[in-house]
Structures are given as structure tokens and as C-alpha cells.
Amino acid sequence: MRSRQELLDTRILIVEDEYLIMDEARIIVEDAGGIVVGAHGSLDAEVLDGPAISSDVAVLDINIRG
């Protein structure tokens, strides 16, 4: 069994345009002890100026809307 502490307090930004995948990623991160600072469907200026600055790690869909 994995420890809930694997991502302890790691701030993670999720960018995924498919809602179900984004939500599942959010659940996985939170279950591992991470903090989701944002879950967005696109990577626009608003995301880059806000949550991206305060994150330690970003999980990005490499084929957004494509």
C-alpha cells in the first residue's frame, strides 16, 4: 500500500481539456497528499499569471483541444 504522504504539500497545476481525466488526476494528486492549485481546461494567460506561478509542478495535456 502506498503512503498518503508521497506528494505531501506539493502544489500541482493540472491542465487537461477532458473533464473526466482532469477530475481523476485531481483525485489522484489529492489522495497522494498533494495540493491542486488549479485544474484548467486550457493554458491561457490567466492560468500562467495565477496558479502556474504558485505551483511546484504542472501536469499538462500535450494535445489540448487537438
PDB file of N, CA and C in Angstrom:
ATOM      1  N   MET A   1       0.836  -1.180   0.000  1.00  0.00           N
ATOM      2  CA  MET A   1       0.000   0.000   0.000  1.00  0.00           C
ATOM      3  C   MET A   1       0.883   1.246   0.000  1.00  0.00           C
ATOM      4  N   ARG A   2       0.512   2.227  -0.811  1.00  0.00           N
ATOM      5  CA  ARG A   2       1.271   3.459  -0.901  1.00  0.00           C
ATOM      6  C   ARG A   2       0.928   4.397   0.246  1.00  0.00           C
ATOM      7  N   SER A   3       1.910   5.185   0.609  1.00  0.00           N
ATOM      8  CA  SER A   3       1.710   6.166   1.665  1.00  0.00           C
ATOM      9  C   SER A   3       0.959   7.382   1.145  1.00  0.00           C
ATOM     10  N   ARG A   4       0.120   7.944   1.967  1.00  0.00           N
ATOM     11  CA  ARG A   4      -0.612   9.154   1.610  1.00  0.00           C
ATOM     12  C   ARG A   4       0.326  10.357   1.556  1.00  0.00           C
ATOM     13  N   GLN A   5       1.541  10.191   1.981  1.00  0.00           N
ATOM     14  CA  GLN A   5       2.494  11.286   2.074  1.00  0.00           C
ATOM     15  C   GLN A   5       3.373  11.455   0.836  1.00  0.00           C
ATOM     16  N   GLU A   6       3.155  10.709  -0.228  1.00  0.00           N
ATOM     17  CA  GLU A   6       4.037  10.742  -1.398  1.00  0.00           C
ATOM     18  C   GLU A   6       4.218  12.139  -1.973  1.00  0.00           C
ATOM     19  N   LEU A   7       3.182  12.926  -2.036  1.00  0.00           N
ATOM     20  CA  LEU A   7       3.254  14.276  -2.599  1.00  0.00           C
ATOM     21  C   LEU A   7       3.013  15.334  -1.527  1.00  0.00           C
ATOM     22  N   LEU A   8       3.308  15.039  -0.299  1.00  0.00           N
ATOM     23  CA  LEU A   8       2.977  15.894   0.827  1.00  0.00           C
ATOM     24  C   LEU A   8       3.267  17.361   0.544  1.00  0.00           C
ATOM     25  N   ASP A   9       2.211  18.156   0.505  1.00  0.00           N
ATOM     26  CA  ASP A   9       2.275  19.612   0.338  1.00  0.00           C
ATOM     27  C   ASP A   9       2.883  20.085  -0.983  1.00  0.00           C
ATOM     28  N   THR A  10       3.006  19.210  -1.972  1.00  0.00           N
ATOM     29  CA  THR A  10       3.469  19.625  -3.291  1.00  0.00           C
ATOM     30  C   THR A  10       2.308  20.309  -3.998  1.00  0.00           C
ATOM     31  N   ARG A  11       2.538  21.526  -4.481  1.00  0.00           N
ATOM     32  CA  ARG A  11       1.489  22.304  -5.164  1.00  0.00           C
ATOM     33  C   ARG A  11       1.517  21.964  -6.652  1.00  0.00           C
ATOM     34  N   ILE A  12       0.392  21.480  -7.176  1.00  0.00           N
ATOM     35  CA  ILE A  12       0.337  20.963  -8.536  1.00  0.00           C
ATOM     36  C   ILE A  12      -0.749  21.664  -9.341  1.00  0.00           C
ATOM     37  N   LEU A  13      -0.375  22.085 -10.545  1.00  0.00           N
ATOM     38  CA  LEU A  13      -1.303  22.672 -11.512  1.00  0.00           C
ATOM     39  C   LEU A  13      -1.645  21.590 -12.531  1.00  0.00           C
ATOM     40  N   ILE A  14      -2.924  21.397 -12.812  1.00  0.00           N
ATOM     41  CA  ILE A  14      -3.372  20.410 -13.798  1.00  0.00           C
ATOM     42  C   ILE A  14      -4.018  21.151 -14.962  1.00  0.00           C
ATOM     43  N   VAL A  15      -3.550  20.869 -16.186  1.00  0.00           N
ATOM     44  CA  VAL A  15      -4.146  21.443 -17.394  1.00  0.00           C
ATOM     45  C   VAL A  15      -4.543  20.285 -18.299  1.00  0.00           C
ATOM     46  N   GLU A  16      -5.847  20.081 -18.435  1.00  0.00           N
ATOM     47  CA  GLU A  16      -6.394  18.957 -19.197  1.00  0.00           C
ATOM     48  C   GLU A  16      -7.756  19.365 -19.721  1.00  0.00           C
ATOM     49  N   ASP A  17      -7.994  19.217 -21.033  1.00  0.00           N
ATOM     50  CA  ASP A  17      -9.268  19.669 -21.603  1.00  0.00           C
ATOM     51  C   ASP A  17     -10.394  18.647 -21.498  1.00  0.00           C
ATOM     52  N   GLU A  18     -10.109  17.425 -21.101  1.00  0.00           N
ATOM     53  CA  GLU A  18     -11.159  16.429 -20.895  1.00  0.00           C
ATOM     54  C   GLU A  18     -11.480  16.371 -19.403  1.00  0.00           C
ATOM     55  N   TYR A  19     -12.697  16.795 -19.057  1.00  0.00           N
ATOM     56  CA  TYR A  19     -13.064  16.955 -17.657  1.00  0.00           C
ATOM     57  C   TYR A  19     -12.859  15.690 -16.822  1.00  0.00           C
ATOM     58  N   LEU A  20     -13.272  14.538 -17.318  1.00  0.00           N
ATOM     59  CA  LEU A  20     -13.169  13.310 -16.523  1.00  0.00           C
ATOM     60  C   LEU A  20     -11.719  12.957 -16.214  1.00  0.00           C
ATOM     61  N   ILE A  21     -10.836  13.175 -17.174  1.00  0.00           N
ATOM     62  CA  ILE A  21      -9.409  12.907 -16.943  1.00  0.00           C
ATOM     63  C   ILE A  21      -8.851  13.915 -15.945  1.00  0.00           C
ATOM     64  N   MET A  22      -9.217  15.182 -16.101  1.00  0.00           N
ATOM     65  CA  MET A  22      -8.755  16.222 -15.175  1.00  0.00           C
ATOM     66  C   MET A  22      -9.225  15.917 -13.755  1.00  0.00           C
ATOM     67  N   ASP A  23     -10.472  15.520 -13.601  1.00  0.00           N
ATOM     68  CA  ASP A  23     -11.004  15.222 -12.283  1.00  0.00           C
ATOM     69  C   ASP A  23     -10.320  14.001 -11.669  1.00  0.00           C
ATOM     70  N   GLU A  24     -10.058  12.996 -12.467  1.00  0.00           N
ATOM     71  CA  GLU A  24      -9.358  11.810 -11.964  1.00  0.00           C
ATOM     72  C   GLU A  24      -7.932  12.164 -11.537  1.00  0.00           C
ATOM     73  N   ALA A  25      -7.255  12.997 -12.316  1.00  0.00           N
ATOM     74  CA  ALA A  25      -5.905  13.451 -11.951  1.00  0.00           C
ATOM     75  C   ALA A  25      -5.947  14.217 -10.631  1.00  0.00           C
ATOM     76  N   ARG A  26      -6.952  15.064 -10.461  1.00  0.00           N
ATOM     77  CA  ARG A  26      -7.105  15.818  -9.217  1.00  0.00           C
ATOM     78  C   ARG A  26      -7.273  14.883  -8.019  1.00  0.00           C
ATOM     79  N   ILE A  27      -8.099  13.869  -8.179  1.00  0.00           N
ATOM     80  CA  ILE A  27      -8.329  12.903  -7.099  1.00  0.00           C
ATOM     81  C   ILE A  27      -7.039  12.162  -6.752  1.00  0.00           C
ATOM     82  N   ILE A  28      -6.296  11.734  -7.764  1.00  0.00           N
ATOM     83  CA  ILE A  28      -5.045  11.011  -7.541  1.00  0.00           C
ATOM     84  C   ILE A  28      -4.045  11.888  -6.787  1.00  0.00           C
ATOM     85  N   VAL A  29      -3.911  13.138  -7.222  1.00  0.00           N
ATOM     86  CA  VAL A  29      -2.984  14.068  -6.563  1.00  0.00           C
ATOM     87  C   VAL A  29      -3.384  14.285  -5.106  1.00  0.00           C
ATOM     88  N   GLU A  30      -4.649  14.550  -4.868  1.00  0.00           N
ATOM     89  CA  GLU A  30      -5.108  14.798  -3.501  1.00  0.00           C
ATOM     90  C   GLU A  30      -4.982  13.558  -2.625  1.00  0.00           C
ATOM     91  N   ASP A  31      -5.252  12.384  -3.177  1.00  0.00           N
ATOM     92  CA  ASP A  31      -5.109  11.146  -2.408  1.00  0.00           C
ATOM     93  C   ASP A  31      -3.654  10.878  -2.028  1.00  0.00           C
ATOM     94  N   ALA A  32      -2.720  11.400  -2.834  1.00  0.00           N
ATOM     95  CA  ALA A  32      -1.300  11.212  -2.551  1.00  0.00           C
ATOM     96  C   ALA A  32      -0.744  12.329  -1.668  1.00  0.00           C
ATOM     97  N   GLY A  33      -1.613  13.232  -1.201  1.00  0.00           N
ATOM     98  CA  GLY A  33      -1.191  14.278  -0.289  1.00  0.00           C
ATOM     99  C   GLY A  33      -0.811  15.587  -0.954  1.00  0.00           C
ATOM    100  N   GLY A  34      -0.969  15.692  -2.271  1.00  0.00           N
ATOM    101  CA  GLY A  34      -0.648  16.924  -2.984  1.00  0.00           C
ATOM    102  C   GLY A  34      -1.758  17.946  -2.879  1.00  0.00           C
ATOM    103  N   ILE A  35      -1.423  19.174  -3.240  1.00  0.00           N
ATOM    104  CA  ILE A  35      -2.384  20.272  -3.221  1.00  0.00           C
ATOM    105  C   ILE A  35      -2.588  20.740  -4.661  1.00  0.00           C
ATOM    106  N   VAL A  36      -3.803  20.622  -5.171  1.00  0.00           N
ATOM    107  CA  VAL A  36      -4.108  21.085  -6.523  1.00  0.00           C
ATOM    108  C   VAL A  36      -4.376  22.583  -6.453  1.00  0.00           C
ATOM    109  N   VAL A  37      -3.462  23.385  -7.051  1.00  0.00           N
ATOM    110  CA  VAL A  37      -3.621  24.838  -7.029  1.00  0.00           C
ATOM    111  C   VAL A  37      -4.488  25.325  -8.175  1.00  0.00           C
ATOM    112  N   GLY A  38      -4.744  24.461  -9.151  1.00  0.00           N
ATOM    113  CA  GLY A  38      -5.615  24.807 -10.254  1.00  0.00           C
ATOM    114  C   GLY A  38      -5.826  23.617 -11.157  1.00  0.00           C
ATOM    115  N   ALA A  39      -7.030  23.506 -11.693  1.00  0.00           N
ATOM    116  CA  ALA A  39      -7.369  22.474 -12.667  1.00  0.00           C
ATOM    117  C   ALA A  39      -8.091  23.190 -13.797  1.00  0.00           C
ATOM    118  N   HIS A  40      -7.440  23.292 -14.945  1.00  0.00           N
ATOM    119  CA  HIS A  40      -7.943  24.119 -16.039  1.00  0.00           C
ATOM    120  C   HIS A  40      -8.022  23.333 -17.338  1.00  0.00           C
ATOM    121  N   GLY A  41      -8.911  23.769 -18.204  1.00  0.00           N
ATOM    122  CA  GLY A  41      -9.105  23.126 -19.495  1.00  0.00           C
ATOM    123  C   GLY A  41      -8.258  23.715 -20.600  1.00  0.00           C
ATOM    124  N   SER A  42      -7.551  24.807 -20.317  1.00  0.00           N
ATOM    125  CA  SER A  42      -6.653  25.406 -21.312  1.00  0.00           C
ATOM    126  C   SER A  42      -5.532  26.123 -20.579  1.00  0.00           C
ATOM    127  N   LEU A  43      -4.471  26.379 -21.314  1.00  0.00           N
ATOM    128  CA  LEU A  43      -3.314  27.063 -20.749  1.00  0.00           C
ATOM    129  C   LEU A  43      -3.255  28.454 -21.357  1.00  0.00           C
ATOM    130  N   ASP A  44      -3.977  29.388 -20.731  1.00  0.00           N
ATOM    131  CA  ASP A  44      -4.025  30.749 -21.247  1.00  0.00           C
ATOM    132  C   ASP A  44      -3.293  31.693 -20.298  1.00  0.00           C
ATOM    133  N   ALA A  45      -3.279  32.974 -20.632  1.00  0.00           N
ATOM    134  CA  ALA A  45      -2.548  33.964 -19.840  1.00  0.00           C
ATOM    135  C   ALA A  45      -3.036  34.018 -18.393  1.00  0.00           C
ATOM    136  N   GLU A  46      -4.338  33.836 -18.200  1.00  0.00           N
ATOM    137  CA  GLU A  46      -4.890  33.867 -16.841  1.00  0.00           C
ATOM    138  C   GLU A  46      -4.287  32.775 -15.969  1.00  0.00           C
ATOM    139  N   VAL A  47      -4.125  31.585 -16.526  1.00  0.00           N
ATOM    140  CA  VAL A  47      -3.531  30.463 -15.790  1.00  0.00           C
ATOM    141  C   VAL A  47      -2.052  30.729 -15.555  1.00  0.00           C
ATOM    142  N   LEU A  48      -1.359  31.213 -16.569  1.00  0.00           N
ATOM    143  CA  LEU A  48       0.079  31.457 -16.450  1.00  0.00           C
ATOM    144  C   LEU A  48       0.397  32.550 -15.439  1.00  0.00           C
ATOM    145  N   ASP A  49      -0.470  33.523 -15.308  1.00  0.00           N
ATOM    146  CA  ASP A  49      -0.236  34.613 -14.364  1.00  0.00           C
ATOM    147  C   ASP A  49      -0.665  34.270 -12.942  1.00  0.00           C
ATOM    148  N   GLY A  50      -1.519  33.267 -12.785  1.00  0.00           N
ATOM    149  CA  GLY A  50      -2.049  32.948 -11.464  1.00  0.00           C
ATOM    150  C   GLY A  50      -1.510  31.646 -10.903  1.00  0.00           C
ATOM    151  N   PRO A  51      -2.261  30.555 -11.068  1.00  0.00           N
ATOM    152  CA  PRO A  51      -1.902  29.278 -10.456  1.00  0.00           C
ATOM    153  C   PRO A  51      -0.532  28.741 -10.873  1.00  0.00           C
ATOM    154  N   ALA A  52      -0.114  29.003 -12.095  1.00  0.00           N
ATOM    155  CA  ALA A  52       1.167  28.470 -12.564  1.00  0.00           C
ATOM    156  C   ALA A  52       2.327  29.023 -11.754  1.00  0.00           C
ATOM    157  N   ILE A  53       2.206  30.266 -11.335  1.00  0.00           N
ATOM    158  CA  ILE A  53       3.279  30.895 -10.563  1.00  0.00           C
ATOM    159  C   ILE A  53       3.406  30.256  -9.186  1.00  0.00           C
ATOM    160  N   SER A  54       2.297  29.862  -8.599  1.00  0.00           N
ATOM    161  CA  SER A  54       2.323  29.319  -7.240  1.00  0.00           C
ATOM    162  C   SER A  54       2.453  27.798  -7.186  1.00  0.00           C
ATOM    163  N   SER A  55       2.688  27.149  -8.323  1.00  0.00           N
ATOM    164  CA  SER A  55       2.778  25.682  -8.319  1.00  0.00           C
ATOM    165  C   SER A  55       4.226  25.216  -8.303  1.00  0.00           C
ATOM    166  N   ASP A  56       4.430  24.018  -7.750  1.00  0.00           N
ATOM    167  CA  ASP A  56       5.739  23.374  -7.771  1.00  0.00           C
ATOM    168  C   ASP A  56       5.890  22.521  -9.025  1.00  0.00           C
ATOM    169  N   VAL A  57       4.763  21.954  -9.478  1.00  0.00           N
ATOM    170  CA  VAL A  57       4.749  21.014 -10.600  1.00  0.00           C
ATOM    171  C   VAL A  57       3.504  21.280 -11.440  1.00  0.00           C
ATOM    172  N   ALA A  58       3.621  21.060 -12.748  1.00  0.00           N
ATOM    173  CA  ALA A  58       2.456  21.159 -13.629  1.00  0.00           C
ATOM    174  C   ALA A  58       2.290  19.847 -14.383  1.00  0.00           C
ATOM    175  N   VAL A  59       1.053  19.382 -14.455  1.00  0.00           N
ATOM    176  CA  VAL A  59       0.703  18.215 -15.256  1.00  0.00           C
ATOM    177  C   VAL A  59      -0.076  18.763 -16.446  1.00  0.00           C
ATOM    178  N   LEU A  60       0.522  18.673 -17.645  1.00  0.00           N
ATOM    179  CA  LEU A  60      -0.062  19.277 -18.835  1.00  0.00           C
ATOM    180  C   LEU A  60      -0.456  18.233 -19.864  1.00  0.00           C
ATOM    181  N   ASP A  61      -1.639  18.389 -20.419  1.00  0.00           N
ATOM    182  CA  ASP A  61      -2.080  17.589 -21.550  1.00  0.00           C
ATOM    183  C   ASP A  61      -1.281  18.073 -22.762  1.00  0.00           C
ATOM    184  N   ILE A  62      -0.595  17.180 -23.465  1.00  0.00           N
ATOM    185  CA  ILE A  62       0.228  17.619 -24.591  1.00  0.00           C
ATOM    186  C   ILE A  62      -0.580  17.822 -25.858  1.00  0.00           C
ATOM    187  N   ASN A  63      -1.866  17.498 -25.824  1.00  0.00           N
ATOM    188  CA  ASN A  63      -2.711  17.634 -27.009  1.00  0.00           C
ATOM    189  C   ASN A  63      -4.022  18.325 -26.636  1.00  0.00           C
ATOM    190  N   ILE A  64      -3.921  19.512 -26.055  1.00  0.00           N
ATOM    191  CA  ILE A  64      -5.123  20.235 -25.633  1.00  0.00           C
ATOM    192  C   ILE A  64      -5.926  20.664 -26.846  1.00  0.00           C
ATOM    193  N   ARG A  65      -7.198  20.290 -26.833  1.00  0.00           N
ATOM    194  CA  ARG A  65      -8.135  20.641 -27.902  1.00  0.00           C
ATOM    195  C   ARG A  65      -7.613  20.265 -29.282  1.00  0.00           C
ATOM    196  N   GLY A  66      -6.946  19.126 -29.335  1.00  0.00           N
ATOM    197  CA  GLY A  66      -6.381  18.750 -30.631  1.00  0.00           C
ATOM    198  C   GLY A  66      -6.675  17.405 -31.068  1.00  0.00           C
TER     199      GLY A  66
END
